Every structure is written in C-alpha cells, then in structure tokens.
N, C-alpha and C. Protein backbone atom coordinates (compact mmCIF):
# COMPACT_ATOMS: atom_id res chain seq x y z
N MET A 1 0.72 -1.12 0.06
CA MET A 1 -0.05 -0.04 -0.08
C MET A 1 0.83 1.36 -0.04
N SER A 2 1.96 1.11 0.67
CA SER A 2 2.68 2.44 0.73
C SER A 2 3.41 2.88 -0.49
N TYR A 3 3.63 1.92 -1.55
CA TYR A 3 4.14 2.33 -2.53
C TYR A 3 3.33 3.32 -3.47
N ILE A 4 1.93 3.51 -3.27
CA ILE A 4 1.09 4.12 -4.15
C ILE A 4 1.49 5.71 -3.57
N VAL A 5 1.66 5.74 -2.36
CA VAL A 5 1.96 7.26 -1.85
C VAL A 5 3.22 7.95 -2.54
N VAL A 6 4.18 7.05 -2.77
CA VAL A 6 5.39 7.49 -3.45
C VAL A 6 5.18 7.61 -5.06
N PHE A 7 4.60 6.66 -5.47
CA PHE A 7 4.61 6.56 -7.19
C PHE A 7 3.50 7.51 -7.81
N ASN A 8 2.44 7.53 -6.96
CA ASN A 8 1.32 8.21 -7.63
C ASN A 8 1.64 9.69 -7.82
N PRO A 9 2.14 10.38 -6.75
CA PRO A 9 2.56 11.83 -7.13
C PRO A 9 3.59 11.97 -8.21
N ALA A 10 4.56 11.01 -8.33
CA ALA A 10 5.51 11.07 -9.18
C ALA A 10 5.06 11.06 -10.77
N ILE A 11 4.11 9.99 -10.73
CA ILE A 11 3.37 9.80 -12.16
C ILE A 11 2.51 11.02 -12.51
N LEU A 12 1.78 11.57 -11.50
CA LEU A 12 0.94 12.87 -11.88
C LEU A 12 1.75 14.07 -11.94
N SER A 13 2.92 14.17 -11.40
CA SER A 13 3.93 15.18 -11.78
C SER A 13 4.29 15.30 -13.22
N THR A 14 4.29 14.18 -13.86
CA THR A 14 4.75 14.27 -15.33
C THR A 14 3.60 14.85 -16.15
N ALA A 15 2.31 15.03 -15.66
CA ALA A 15 1.21 15.61 -16.14
C ALA A 15 1.10 17.02 -15.86
N GLY A 16 2.12 17.48 -14.84
CA GLY A 16 1.91 18.90 -14.46
C GLY A 16 1.39 19.16 -13.01
N ILE A 17 0.72 18.25 -12.36
CA ILE A 17 -0.04 18.23 -11.14
C ILE A 17 1.13 18.41 -10.15
N PRO A 18 1.20 19.41 -9.27
CA PRO A 18 2.17 19.57 -8.13
C PRO A 18 2.09 18.26 -7.15
N GLU A 19 3.21 18.01 -6.90
CA GLU A 19 3.53 16.69 -5.97
C GLU A 19 2.97 16.76 -4.53
N GLY A 20 3.07 17.85 -4.12
CA GLY A 20 2.54 18.03 -2.63
C GLY A 20 1.01 18.00 -2.50
N PRO A 21 0.24 18.57 -3.32
CA PRO A 21 -1.11 18.32 -3.21
C PRO A 21 -1.54 17.04 -3.82
N SER A 22 -0.92 16.25 -4.74
CA SER A 22 -1.45 14.94 -5.10
C SER A 22 -0.97 13.89 -4.06
N PHE A 23 0.08 14.11 -3.39
CA PHE A 23 0.54 13.17 -2.20
C PHE A 23 -0.54 13.30 -1.28
N VAL A 24 -1.12 14.50 -0.81
CA VAL A 24 -2.09 14.68 0.10
C VAL A 24 -3.43 14.19 -0.27
N ALA A 25 -3.85 14.22 -1.64
CA ALA A 25 -4.97 13.62 -2.09
C ALA A 25 -4.94 12.21 -2.20
N THR A 26 -3.82 11.73 -2.51
CA THR A 26 -3.63 10.18 -2.65
C THR A 26 -3.80 9.50 -1.06
N VAL A 27 -3.18 10.18 -0.06
CA VAL A 27 -3.34 9.65 1.13
C VAL A 27 -4.74 9.60 1.86
N LEU A 28 -5.51 11.01 1.47
CA LEU A 28 -6.72 11.13 1.86
C LEU A 28 -7.83 10.11 1.10
N VAL A 29 -7.68 9.82 -0.01
CA VAL A 29 -8.53 9.05 -0.74
C VAL A 29 -8.14 7.52 -0.43
N ALA A 30 -7.02 7.27 -0.11
CA ALA A 30 -6.69 5.72 0.56
C ALA A 30 -7.32 5.67 1.75
N VAL A 31 -7.13 6.57 2.70
CA VAL A 31 -7.91 6.29 4.03
C VAL A 31 -9.33 6.30 3.84
N ALA A 32 -9.91 7.15 3.04
CA ALA A 32 -11.27 7.28 2.92
C ALA A 32 -11.88 6.00 2.40
N GLY A 33 -11.19 5.47 1.40
CA GLY A 33 -11.60 4.21 0.81
C GLY A 33 -11.28 2.95 1.76
N CYS A 34 -10.43 3.01 2.69
CA CYS A 34 -10.10 1.84 3.72
C CYS A 34 -11.25 1.87 4.67
N TYR A 35 -11.56 3.24 5.06
CA TYR A 35 -12.64 3.35 6.08
C TYR A 35 -14.16 3.06 5.39
N LEU A 36 -14.35 3.15 4.24
CA LEU A 36 -15.70 2.95 3.48
C LEU A 36 -15.76 1.28 3.34
N MET A 37 -14.49 0.78 2.99
CA MET A 37 -14.36 -0.65 2.99
C MET A 37 -14.75 -1.41 4.38
N ALA A 38 -14.10 -0.74 5.45
CA ALA A 38 -14.23 -1.35 6.88
C ALA A 38 -15.62 -1.28 7.42
N PHE A 39 -16.12 0.09 7.21
CA PHE A 39 -17.52 0.32 8.11
C PHE A 39 -18.69 0.16 7.21
N TYR A 40 -18.60 0.57 5.89
CA TYR A 40 -19.86 0.44 5.10
C TYR A 40 -20.00 -1.02 4.35
N ALA A 41 -18.79 -1.47 3.70
CA ALA A 41 -18.99 -2.85 3.17
C ALA A 41 -18.49 -3.89 4.11
N ASN A 42 -18.12 -3.61 5.19
CA ASN A 42 -17.71 -4.70 6.26
C ASN A 42 -16.70 -5.72 5.78
N ARG A 43 -15.86 -5.16 4.78
CA ARG A 43 -14.74 -5.94 4.58
C ARG A 43 -13.33 -5.56 4.84
N PRO A 44 -12.63 -6.47 5.17
CA PRO A 44 -11.18 -6.07 5.76
C PRO A 44 -10.15 -5.86 4.58
N PHE A 45 -10.63 -4.95 3.72
CA PHE A 45 -9.50 -4.77 2.54
C PHE A 45 -9.09 -3.35 2.57
N ALA A 46 -7.83 -3.23 2.33
CA ALA A 46 -7.23 -1.87 2.27
C ALA A 46 -7.33 -1.54 0.69
N ILE A 47 -7.55 -0.31 0.34
CA ILE A 47 -7.85 0.04 -1.10
C ILE A 47 -7.10 1.48 -1.11
N ALA A 48 -6.45 1.70 -2.42
CA ALA A 48 -5.86 2.80 -2.62
C ALA A 48 -6.10 3.20 -4.26
N PRO A 49 -5.77 4.43 -4.59
CA PRO A 49 -6.13 5.03 -6.05
C PRO A 49 -5.46 3.86 -7.09
N TYR A 50 -6.22 3.65 -8.24
CA TYR A 50 -5.48 2.93 -9.13
C TYR A 50 -4.67 3.55 -10.18
N MET A 51 -3.34 2.92 -10.11
CA MET A 51 -2.19 3.54 -10.75
C MET A 51 -2.33 3.37 -12.27
N GLY A 52 -3.05 2.44 -12.74
CA GLY A 52 -3.27 2.44 -14.28
C GLY A 52 -3.90 3.60 -14.77
N GLY A 53 -5.05 3.87 -13.97
CA GLY A 53 -5.81 5.32 -14.54
C GLY A 53 -5.07 6.34 -14.29
N ASN A 54 -4.15 6.49 -13.40
CA ASN A 54 -3.32 7.70 -12.96
C ASN A 54 -2.13 7.75 -14.35
N ALA A 55 -1.75 6.61 -14.61
CA ALA A 55 -0.74 6.62 -15.58
C ALA A 55 -1.44 6.98 -17.01
N PHE A 56 -2.63 6.59 -17.25
CA PHE A 56 -3.42 6.92 -18.57
C PHE A 56 -3.83 8.17 -18.48
N VAL A 57 -4.00 8.93 -17.56
CA VAL A 57 -4.34 10.39 -17.35
C VAL A 57 -2.96 11.22 -17.69
N ALA A 58 -1.82 10.90 -17.15
CA ALA A 58 -0.70 11.61 -17.02
C ALA A 58 0.09 11.33 -18.42
N PHE A 59 0.09 10.29 -19.07
CA PHE A 59 0.89 9.89 -20.16
C PHE A 59 0.15 10.07 -21.57
N THR A 60 -1.29 9.68 -21.45
CA THR A 60 -1.91 9.56 -22.63
C THR A 60 -2.82 10.89 -22.91
N VAL A 61 -3.60 11.10 -21.78
CA VAL A 61 -4.43 12.37 -21.94
C VAL A 61 -3.70 13.48 -21.79
N CYS A 62 -2.82 13.73 -20.75
CA CYS A 62 -2.05 15.09 -20.78
C CYS A 62 -0.77 15.20 -21.79
N LYS A 63 0.06 14.21 -21.70
CA LYS A 63 1.31 14.29 -22.47
C LYS A 63 1.00 14.05 -24.10
N ALA A 64 0.19 12.93 -24.45
CA ALA A 64 0.17 12.60 -25.85
C ALA A 64 -0.95 13.35 -26.44
N LEU A 65 -2.00 13.50 -25.76
CA LEU A 65 -3.07 14.37 -26.38
C LEU A 65 -3.10 15.79 -26.16
N GLY A 66 -2.27 16.28 -25.16
CA GLY A 66 -1.99 17.69 -25.01
C GLY A 66 -2.97 18.34 -24.01
N PHE A 67 -3.91 17.74 -23.45
CA PHE A 67 -4.93 18.35 -22.62
C PHE A 67 -4.22 18.89 -21.32
N ALA A 68 -4.87 19.90 -20.59
CA ALA A 68 -4.35 20.29 -19.64
C ALA A 68 -4.71 19.51 -18.25
N TRP A 69 -3.91 19.43 -17.25
CA TRP A 69 -4.29 18.45 -16.23
C TRP A 69 -5.67 18.85 -15.58
N GLN A 70 -5.95 20.02 -15.49
CA GLN A 70 -7.17 20.54 -14.84
C GLN A 70 -8.46 19.99 -15.77
N THR A 71 -8.28 20.09 -17.14
CA THR A 71 -9.16 19.34 -18.00
C THR A 71 -9.51 17.93 -17.79
N ALA A 72 -8.28 17.07 -17.79
CA ALA A 72 -8.35 15.71 -17.40
C ALA A 72 -9.13 15.44 -15.98
N LEU A 73 -8.82 16.10 -14.95
CA LEU A 73 -9.18 15.89 -13.75
C LEU A 73 -10.98 16.34 -13.76
N ALA A 74 -11.28 17.25 -14.50
CA ALA A 74 -12.68 17.62 -14.67
C ALA A 74 -13.52 16.51 -15.28
N ALA A 75 -12.72 15.87 -16.36
CA ALA A 75 -13.34 14.86 -17.14
C ALA A 75 -13.66 13.55 -16.17
N ILE A 76 -12.82 13.22 -15.49
CA ILE A 76 -12.82 12.10 -14.43
C ILE A 76 -13.80 12.65 -13.50
N PHE A 77 -14.00 13.63 -13.09
CA PHE A 77 -15.15 14.12 -12.00
C PHE A 77 -16.45 13.97 -12.59
N ILE A 78 -16.52 14.48 -13.91
CA ILE A 78 -17.91 14.45 -14.57
C ILE A 78 -18.24 12.79 -14.84
N ALA A 79 -17.19 11.93 -15.10
CA ALA A 79 -17.46 10.49 -15.33
C ALA A 79 -17.89 9.80 -14.01
N GLY A 80 -17.22 10.14 -12.84
CA GLY A 80 -17.72 9.84 -11.42
C GLY A 80 -19.16 10.22 -11.21
N ILE A 81 -19.49 11.44 -11.35
CA ILE A 81 -20.89 11.73 -11.29
C ILE A 81 -21.96 10.95 -12.07
N PHE A 82 -21.50 10.75 -13.42
CA PHE A 82 -22.21 10.02 -14.30
C PHE A 82 -22.63 8.57 -13.75
N PHE A 83 -21.46 8.06 -13.23
CA PHE A 83 -21.44 6.48 -12.71
C PHE A 83 -22.31 6.53 -11.42
N ILE A 84 -22.15 7.45 -10.63
CA ILE A 84 -23.04 7.60 -9.45
C ILE A 84 -24.45 7.68 -9.60
N LEU A 85 -24.72 8.45 -10.68
CA LEU A 85 -26.11 8.74 -11.19
C LEU A 85 -26.73 7.21 -11.56
N MET A 86 -25.77 6.56 -12.53
CA MET A 86 -26.23 5.27 -13.14
C MET A 86 -26.46 4.30 -12.00
N THR A 87 -25.69 4.26 -10.91
CA THR A 87 -25.95 3.37 -9.74
C THR A 87 -27.08 3.72 -9.09
N VAL A 88 -27.45 4.97 -8.73
CA VAL A 88 -28.54 5.31 -7.79
C VAL A 88 -29.81 5.12 -8.77
N LEU A 89 -29.73 5.43 -9.89
CA LEU A 89 -31.09 5.06 -10.71
C LEU A 89 -31.12 3.70 -11.37
N ARG A 90 -30.23 2.97 -10.84
CA ARG A 90 -30.18 1.59 -11.48
C ARG A 90 -30.33 1.41 -12.82
N ALA A 91 -29.52 2.12 -13.55
CA ALA A 91 -29.63 2.19 -14.85
C ALA A 91 -28.96 0.90 -15.67
N VAL A 92 -27.90 0.41 -14.95
CA VAL A 92 -27.31 -0.64 -15.30
C VAL A 92 -27.96 -2.02 -15.50
N GLY A 93 -28.91 -2.16 -14.18
CA GLY A 93 -29.73 -3.26 -14.20
C GLY A 93 -30.95 -3.33 -15.28
N ARG A 94 -31.24 -1.95 -15.59
CA ARG A 94 -32.44 -1.84 -16.65
C ARG A 94 -31.74 -2.15 -18.00
N GLY A 95 -30.55 -1.72 -18.29
CA GLY A 95 -29.95 -1.94 -19.58
C GLY A 95 -29.72 -3.52 -19.60
N ARG A 96 -29.29 -4.23 -18.71
CA ARG A 96 -29.21 -5.66 -18.79
C ARG A 96 -30.46 -6.40 -19.23
N ARG A 97 -31.58 -5.97 -18.53
CA ARG A 97 -32.70 -6.61 -18.57
C ARG A 97 -33.38 -6.12 -19.99
N SER A 98 -33.05 -5.19 -20.43
CA SER A 98 -33.55 -4.67 -21.76
C SER A 98 -33.20 -5.48 -22.96
N HIS A 99 -32.29 -6.37 -22.80
CA HIS A 99 -31.78 -7.33 -23.88
C HIS A 99 -32.71 -8.19 -24.24
N LEU A 100 -32.81 -8.59 -25.76
CA LEU A 100 -33.66 -9.66 -25.98
C LEU A 100 -33.36 -10.95 -25.37
N ALA A 101 -34.38 -11.75 -25.31
CA ALA A 101 -34.47 -13.01 -24.70
C ALA A 101 -33.56 -13.86 -25.27
N SER A 102 -33.52 -13.69 -26.72
CA SER A 102 -32.82 -14.50 -27.60
C SER A 102 -31.20 -14.36 -27.27
N LEU A 103 -30.99 -13.04 -27.09
CA LEU A 103 -29.48 -12.91 -26.76
C LEU A 103 -29.02 -13.48 -25.41
N GLN A 104 -30.05 -13.28 -24.50
CA GLN A 104 -29.63 -13.69 -23.17
C GLN A 104 -29.47 -15.15 -23.27
N LEU A 105 -30.24 -16.00 -24.08
CA LEU A 105 -30.18 -17.36 -24.14
C LEU A 105 -28.86 -17.83 -24.96
N ARG A 106 -28.49 -17.05 -25.86
CA ARG A 106 -27.38 -17.47 -26.70
C ARG A 106 -25.90 -17.00 -26.08
N ARG A 107 -25.90 -16.50 -24.70
CA ARG A 107 -24.66 -16.40 -23.99
C ARG A 107 -24.04 -17.66 -23.56
N GLY A 108 -25.00 -18.62 -23.30
CA GLY A 108 -24.73 -19.88 -22.76
C GLY A 108 -23.93 -20.82 -24.12
N ASP A 109 -24.17 -20.55 -25.31
CA ASP A 109 -23.55 -21.31 -26.39
C ASP A 109 -22.03 -21.12 -26.47
N ARG A 110 -21.63 -19.93 -25.80
CA ARG A 110 -20.18 -19.87 -25.76
C ARG A 110 -19.37 -20.59 -24.88
N ILE A 111 -20.14 -20.89 -23.82
CA ILE A 111 -19.46 -21.66 -22.57
C ILE A 111 -19.49 -23.17 -22.70
N ILE A 112 -20.71 -23.65 -23.10
CA ILE A 112 -20.99 -24.91 -23.30
C ILE A 112 -19.78 -25.89 -23.98
N PRO A 113 -19.40 -25.50 -24.96
CA PRO A 113 -18.38 -26.21 -25.94
C PRO A 113 -17.29 -26.48 -24.99
N TYR A 114 -16.94 -25.62 -23.97
CA TYR A 114 -15.67 -25.73 -23.29
C TYR A 114 -15.94 -26.58 -21.88
N VAL A 115 -17.35 -26.45 -21.59
CA VAL A 115 -17.47 -27.30 -20.36
C VAL A 115 -17.93 -28.79 -20.64
N HIS A 116 -18.73 -28.94 -21.60
CA HIS A 116 -19.17 -30.17 -22.09
C HIS A 116 -18.34 -30.80 -23.20
N ARG A 117 -17.50 -31.74 -22.91
CA ARG A 117 -16.69 -32.47 -23.67
C ARG A 117 -17.17 -33.88 -23.89
N PRO A 118 -17.80 -34.09 -24.91
CA PRO A 118 -18.24 -35.67 -25.10
C PRO A 118 -16.84 -36.48 -25.30
N GLU A 119 -17.15 -37.75 -24.73
CA GLU A 119 -16.12 -38.61 -24.95
C GLU A 119 -16.17 -39.50 -26.25
C-alpha cells in the first residue's frame, strides 16, 4: 500500500500536477477508501487509487493528447458523477434486462463447448 503514496505523485507530476497536493489527495483517498470498506462494506480490505488510471491520465491524456491536467481531472469528475447517477438510478440493471431474450439465451452457447466434452 505504501508504494502508491510515493509513485502516484511522481506519475501525476509528469502531467503537471504539483506533487504536494497529489500526495495529500492520494493519502486522503486511500484513508477514505479503507474506512468505507471497513465500515460500510464490512470487508477487511485496504484500497488505494488505481495506478493504471493515473498513468493513463498523465501519459496519454495530458502528454500525448495535450490536454491540461485540470481538464483531465474535470473529465474524471464528470464521469464519476455519471457513474454514481447510473448506480442510484439502477440504469445498469435496466440495460441488462432490456436485452432480447434470445441474446440472453445465446450467452450459454459460448460456454458449453468448453464445459461439455463428449467422450
């Protein structure tokens, strides 16, 4: 867990984000995530920010595509709000239930050849 506190600010600094604030944000998000897992989900897991997403923002969105880091963080914030709304409104479940029945039945035909091996 401690590696994220060192590497996350270093990765984000390549995008132009100051290391001090990104260090504090990384620690606060890790602490908040651990408390949520402990007291809300009742699971003994320690969680921290995902480094793959941070590297994508720093190297692809900011460096390669040329967006400012403020714009990248705004896009992540908007996407987070969108996913929270989808969860609260149960849009994911409605989307899954709206599939045609024939498509839902066809999902099994991809698994059966691997499970059932006639002798």
